[in-house]
Every structure is written in C-alpha cells, then in structure tokens.
C-alpha cells in the first residue's frame, strides 16, 4: 500500500501504533521505553524498504520515516540507559 495515492492517502493510519506507547512515554515509564525500540525497528525497516523501492515524493517521505524511527530508537535506548543508572543507585542505597 503506497503512502500517497491520487484521491486519498492511508498515510495517517501508520501513526496509530504509536498511540500505544504514548502515555507511557509521556509519564517517563522505563518499561515503555524498553519495548519502544522494537516498534521503532518496524518503522525503520518499512521506511528503508520504501526508500529503496519508491521514487519521487514517496521516497523522500520514506527517508524521513527512517530518520524519525532512528531518532526514536536512539532516544528510547538512551533513556533506558540513563534511568538504569538511577535505579541501580537507588537500589544500592536502599531507597
């Protein structure tokens, strides 16, 4: 299903799976950030395939999708690493 078609587009439906982790991310829940990279990898893969196979405007949108998925992946991993240090410190001190 191409993201851009004359007379309408299903591009907005791709954002629906991102609503699942939204509240966990906004509340800073570590568990949500732990499984979020798996979701980002699906978007990364889909964008990469489309960037290689599509032409024109669709290819540029696919490159943008791949870039945003990469940013999401890296930021979620960094959040988990940063909060792991905090949780280890609080466990070691007994609080």
Protein backbone atom coordinates (compact mmCIF):
# COMPACT_ATOMS: atom_id res chain seq x y z
CA UNK A 1 0.00 0.00 0.00
CA UNK A 2 1.75 3.14 -1.18
CA UNK A 3 1.55 6.03 1.29
CA UNK A 4 0.50 8.56 -1.35
CA UNK A 5 -2.25 7.90 -3.86
CA UNK A 6 -4.25 10.28 -6.00
CA UNK A 7 -7.59 10.98 -4.38
CA UNK A 8 -6.64 9.97 -0.85
CA UNK A 9 -3.98 8.54 1.39
CA UNK A 10 -3.73 5.96 4.16
CA UNK A 11 -0.56 7.56 5.49
CA UNK A 12 -2.27 8.67 8.71
CA UNK A 13 -3.00 5.04 9.66
CA UNK A 14 0.70 4.43 10.11
CA UNK A 15 0.69 6.67 13.17
CA UNK A 16 -1.94 4.63 15.04
CA UNK A 17 0.52 2.06 16.53
CA UNK A 18 2.47 4.97 18.01
CA UNK A 19 -0.50 5.81 20.23
CA UNK A 20 0.05 2.63 22.28
CA UNK A 21 3.25 3.82 23.99
CA UNK A 22 2.28 7.49 24.07
CA UNK A 23 1.08 7.71 27.69
CA UNK A 24 3.97 5.60 28.99
CA UNK A 25 6.47 7.83 27.23
CA UNK A 26 4.81 10.99 28.50
CA UNK A 27 4.86 9.65 32.05
CA UNK A 28 8.50 8.58 31.74
CA UNK A 29 7.88 4.89 32.37
CA UNK A 30 11.03 2.89 31.88
CA UNK A 31 9.21 -0.28 30.80
CA UNK A 32 7.56 1.55 27.90
CA UNK A 33 10.94 2.86 26.77
CA UNK A 34 12.31 -0.68 26.91
CA UNK A 35 9.89 -2.09 24.32
CA UNK A 36 9.54 1.06 22.23
CA UNK A 37 12.71 0.34 20.18
CA UNK A 38 11.03 -2.82 18.87
CA UNK A 39 8.22 -0.71 17.47
CA UNK A 40 10.73 1.78 16.07
CA UNK A 41 12.53 -1.02 14.23
CA UNK A 42 9.33 -1.88 12.37
CA UNK A 43 9.02 1.73 11.16
CA UNK A 44 12.73 1.83 10.33
CA UNK A 45 12.51 -1.32 8.23
CA UNK A 46 9.38 -0.22 6.40
CA UNK A 47 10.89 3.19 5.66
CA UNK A 48 14.15 1.69 4.45
CA UNK A 49 12.38 -0.68 2.06
CA UNK A 50 10.23 2.13 0.70
CA UNK A 51 13.21 4.48 0.34
CA UNK A 52 14.93 1.93 -1.87
CA UNK A 53 11.92 0.83 -3.92
CA UNK A 54 9.88 4.03 -4.31
CA UNK A 55 10.67 7.12 -6.40
CA UNK A 56 9.93 10.81 -6.04
CA UNK A 57 7.95 12.21 -3.14
CA UNK A 58 7.23 8.80 -1.62
CA UNK A 59 10.94 8.03 -1.41
CA UNK A 60 11.62 11.26 0.46
CA UNK A 61 8.82 10.51 2.91
CA UNK A 62 10.34 7.08 3.44
CA UNK A 63 13.73 8.65 4.19
CA UNK A 64 12.03 10.93 6.72
CA UNK A 65 10.31 7.92 8.29
CA UNK A 66 13.62 6.09 8.57
CA UNK A 67 15.28 9.12 10.14
CA UNK A 68 12.50 9.64 12.68
CA UNK A 69 12.44 5.95 13.56
CA UNK A 70 16.20 6.07 14.14
CA UNK A 71 15.83 9.08 16.41
CA UNK A 72 13.05 7.32 18.33
CA UNK A 73 15.16 4.18 18.71
CA UNK A 74 18.26 6.01 19.94
CA UNK A 75 16.36 8.28 22.33
CA UNK A 76 14.49 5.35 23.89
CA UNK A 77 17.70 3.37 24.38
CA UNK A 78 19.44 6.39 25.90
CA UNK A 79 16.51 6.96 28.26
CA UNK A 80 16.65 3.35 29.43
CA UNK A 81 20.40 3.56 29.97
CA UNK A 82 20.09 6.83 31.92
CA UNK A 83 17.32 5.53 34.16
CA UNK A 84 19.16 2.26 34.75
CA UNK A 85 21.97 4.16 36.45
CA UNK A 86 19.46 5.98 38.65
CA UNK A 87 17.61 2.78 39.57
CA UNK A 88 20.90 1.00 40.41
CA UNK A 89 21.91 3.87 42.69
CA UNK A 90 18.58 3.90 44.50
CA UNK A 91 18.70 0.10 44.94
CA UNK A 92 22.24 0.23 46.31
CA UNK A 93 21.36 2.89 48.88
CA UNK A 94 18.16 1.12 49.89
CA UNK A 95 15.70 3.86 48.95
